[in-house]
Amino acid sequence: MTDKPELKKEPSEVEKLVKEKVSLAKKLGLMERGSKPVEGYEKTDEYKRIAEIDLRLWELIK
């Protein structure tokens, strides 16, 4: 009996966006228990990107 190699499923756009959003939120101190937000995070490019991701996720799941 021969085993078929498992095909790696490419992550969906939603999965990629969620992963990116979580990464950015952690970087800015917006996620994880006990973390403090970076001062002035609302004005960073990372925070603007989170807003863009939110809009795209809304389009994908509505």
N, C-alpha and C. Protein backbone atom coordinates (compact mmCIF):
# COMPACT_ATOMS: atom_id res chain seq x y z
N MET A 1 0.84 -1.17 0.00
CA MET A 1 0.00 0.00 0.00
C MET A 1 0.88 1.24 0.00
N THR A 2 0.59 2.15 -0.89
CA THR A 2 1.38 3.37 -0.96
C THR A 2 0.60 4.53 -0.37
N ASP A 3 1.29 5.30 0.43
CA ASP A 3 0.65 6.48 1.02
C ASP A 3 0.74 7.65 0.06
N LYS A 4 -0.36 8.35 -0.08
CA LYS A 4 -0.35 9.56 -0.90
C LYS A 4 0.22 10.70 -0.07
N PRO A 5 1.08 11.48 -0.68
CA PRO A 5 1.59 12.63 0.10
C PRO A 5 0.45 13.61 0.38
N GLU A 6 0.46 14.11 1.60
CA GLU A 6 -0.60 15.07 1.96
C GLU A 6 -0.37 16.39 1.22
N LEU A 7 -1.43 16.88 0.65
CA LEU A 7 -1.36 18.17 -0.02
C LEU A 7 -1.54 19.25 1.03
N LYS A 8 -0.62 20.20 1.04
CA LYS A 8 -0.76 21.31 1.98
C LYS A 8 -1.77 22.29 1.41
N LYS A 9 -2.78 22.57 2.21
CA LYS A 9 -3.81 23.49 1.79
C LYS A 9 -3.29 24.92 1.97
N GLU A 10 -3.41 25.69 0.93
CA GLU A 10 -3.02 27.11 0.99
C GLU A 10 -3.99 27.84 1.91
N PRO A 11 -3.47 28.65 2.84
CA PRO A 11 -4.38 29.39 3.73
C PRO A 11 -5.28 30.33 2.91
N SER A 12 -6.51 30.46 3.36
CA SER A 12 -7.45 31.34 2.67
C SER A 12 -7.07 32.80 2.95
N GLU A 13 -7.69 33.69 2.19
CA GLU A 13 -7.43 35.11 2.40
C GLU A 13 -7.85 35.53 3.81
N VAL A 14 -8.96 35.00 4.28
CA VAL A 14 -9.42 35.32 5.63
C VAL A 14 -8.38 34.89 6.66
N GLU A 15 -7.87 33.68 6.52
CA GLU A 15 -6.86 33.18 7.46
C GLU A 15 -5.60 34.04 7.44
N LYS A 16 -5.17 34.43 6.26
CA LYS A 16 -3.98 35.27 6.14
C LYS A 16 -4.20 36.63 6.80
N LEU A 17 -5.37 37.22 6.56
CA LEU A 17 -5.66 38.53 7.13
C LEU A 17 -5.76 38.48 8.64
N VAL A 18 -6.40 37.45 9.17
CA VAL A 18 -6.52 37.32 10.61
C VAL A 18 -5.14 37.16 11.24
N LYS A 19 -4.30 36.35 10.62
CA LYS A 19 -2.94 36.15 11.14
C LYS A 19 -2.17 37.46 11.14
N GLU A 20 -2.29 38.23 10.07
CA GLU A 20 -1.60 39.52 9.98
C GLU A 20 -2.13 40.49 11.04
N LYS A 21 -3.45 40.51 11.21
CA LYS A 21 -4.05 41.41 12.19
C LYS A 21 -3.59 41.08 13.61
N VAL A 22 -3.57 39.82 13.94
CA VAL A 22 -3.12 39.40 15.27
C VAL A 22 -1.67 39.80 15.49
N SER A 23 -0.84 39.59 14.48
CA SER A 23 0.57 39.95 14.57
C SER A 23 0.75 41.46 14.81
N LEU A 24 0.02 42.26 14.06
CA LEU A 24 0.10 43.71 14.22
C LEU A 24 -0.43 44.15 15.58
N ALA A 25 -1.52 43.56 16.02
CA ALA A 25 -2.10 43.92 17.31
C ALA A 25 -1.14 43.59 18.45
N LYS A 26 -0.47 42.45 18.35
CA LYS A 26 0.52 42.09 19.38
C LYS A 26 1.67 43.08 19.37
N LYS A 27 2.13 43.45 18.18
CA LYS A 27 3.24 44.40 18.06
C LYS A 27 2.89 45.74 18.72
N LEU A 28 1.64 46.15 18.60
CA LEU A 28 1.20 47.43 19.15
C LEU A 28 0.75 47.33 20.61
N GLY A 29 0.80 46.13 21.17
CA GLY A 29 0.40 45.95 22.56
C GLY A 29 -1.10 45.96 22.76
N LEU A 30 -1.84 45.65 21.72
CA LEU A 30 -3.30 45.68 21.80
C LEU A 30 -3.89 44.31 22.12
N MET A 31 -3.04 43.31 22.14
CA MET A 31 -3.51 41.95 22.34
C MET A 31 -2.61 41.28 23.36
N GLU A 32 -3.09 40.31 23.99
CA GLU A 32 -2.41 39.53 25.01
C GLU A 32 -2.67 40.14 26.37
N ARG A 33 -2.97 39.29 27.26
CA ARG A 33 -3.29 39.68 28.64
C ARG A 33 -2.12 40.41 29.28
N GLY A 34 -2.40 41.54 29.89
CA GLY A 34 -1.38 42.29 30.62
C GLY A 34 -0.51 43.20 29.77
N SER A 35 -0.75 43.22 28.47
CA SER A 35 0.08 44.11 27.63
C SER A 35 -0.49 45.52 27.66
N LYS A 36 0.40 46.47 27.47
CA LYS A 36 -0.02 47.87 27.43
C LYS A 36 0.17 48.38 26.01
N PRO A 37 -0.83 49.12 25.51
CA PRO A 37 -0.70 49.66 24.14
C PRO A 37 0.52 50.59 24.02
N VAL A 38 1.15 50.53 22.87
CA VAL A 38 2.24 51.43 22.55
C VAL A 38 1.69 52.85 22.51
N GLU A 39 2.40 53.77 23.09
CA GLU A 39 1.94 55.16 23.11
C GLU A 39 1.81 55.69 21.68
N GLY A 40 0.67 56.28 21.38
CA GLY A 40 0.42 56.84 20.06
C GLY A 40 0.14 55.80 18.98
N TYR A 41 -0.24 54.59 19.38
CA TYR A 41 -0.45 53.52 18.41
C TYR A 41 -1.49 53.87 17.35
N GLU A 42 -2.46 54.75 17.70
CA GLU A 42 -3.52 55.09 16.76
C GLU A 42 -3.00 55.80 15.51
N LYS A 43 -1.82 56.35 15.60
CA LYS A 43 -1.25 57.10 14.47
C LYS A 43 -0.25 56.30 13.66
N THR A 44 -0.04 55.03 14.00
CA THR A 44 0.97 54.22 13.32
C THR A 44 0.42 53.60 12.03
N ASP A 45 1.34 53.26 11.14
CA ASP A 45 0.96 52.57 9.91
C ASP A 45 0.37 51.20 10.22
N GLU A 46 0.87 50.56 11.28
CA GLU A 46 0.35 49.25 11.66
C GLU A 46 -1.13 49.33 12.04
N TYR A 47 -1.47 50.37 12.78
CA TYR A 47 -2.87 50.54 13.20
C TYR A 47 -3.76 50.84 11.98
N LYS A 48 -3.24 51.62 11.05
CA LYS A 48 -3.99 51.90 9.82
C LYS A 48 -4.20 50.61 9.03
N ARG A 49 -3.19 49.75 9.04
CA ARG A 49 -3.31 48.47 8.33
C ARG A 49 -4.37 47.59 9.00
N ILE A 50 -4.44 47.62 10.32
CA ILE A 50 -5.47 46.86 11.03
C ILE A 50 -6.85 47.31 10.58
N ALA A 51 -7.04 48.61 10.43
CA ALA A 51 -8.33 49.14 9.97
C ALA A 51 -8.64 48.65 8.54
N GLU A 52 -7.62 48.62 7.69
CA GLU A 52 -7.81 48.12 6.32
C GLU A 52 -8.19 46.64 6.33
N ILE A 53 -7.52 45.88 7.19
CA ILE A 53 -7.82 44.45 7.30
C ILE A 53 -9.25 44.26 7.77
N ASP A 54 -9.69 45.05 8.75
CA ASP A 54 -11.06 44.94 9.25
C ASP A 54 -12.07 45.16 8.13
N LEU A 55 -11.82 46.17 7.29
CA LEU A 55 -12.73 46.44 6.17
C LEU A 55 -12.77 45.27 5.20
N ARG A 56 -11.61 44.72 4.89
CA ARG A 56 -11.55 43.60 3.94
C ARG A 56 -12.23 42.36 4.54
N LEU A 57 -11.99 42.09 5.81
CA LEU A 57 -12.64 40.94 6.44
C LEU A 57 -14.15 41.11 6.42
N TRP A 58 -14.61 42.32 6.66
CA TRP A 58 -16.05 42.57 6.61
C TRP A 58 -16.61 42.24 5.23
N GLU A 59 -15.88 42.63 4.19
CA GLU A 59 -16.33 42.35 2.82
C GLU A 59 -16.37 40.85 2.56
N LEU A 60 -15.40 40.14 3.09
CA LEU A 60 -15.31 38.70 2.83
C LEU A 60 -16.37 37.89 3.57
N ILE A 61 -16.76 38.34 4.76
CA ILE A 61 -17.65 37.49 5.56
C ILE A 61 -19.11 37.95 5.59
N LYS A 62 -19.40 39.10 5.00
CA LYS A 62 -20.79 39.57 5.05
C LYS A 62 -21.69 38.79 4.13
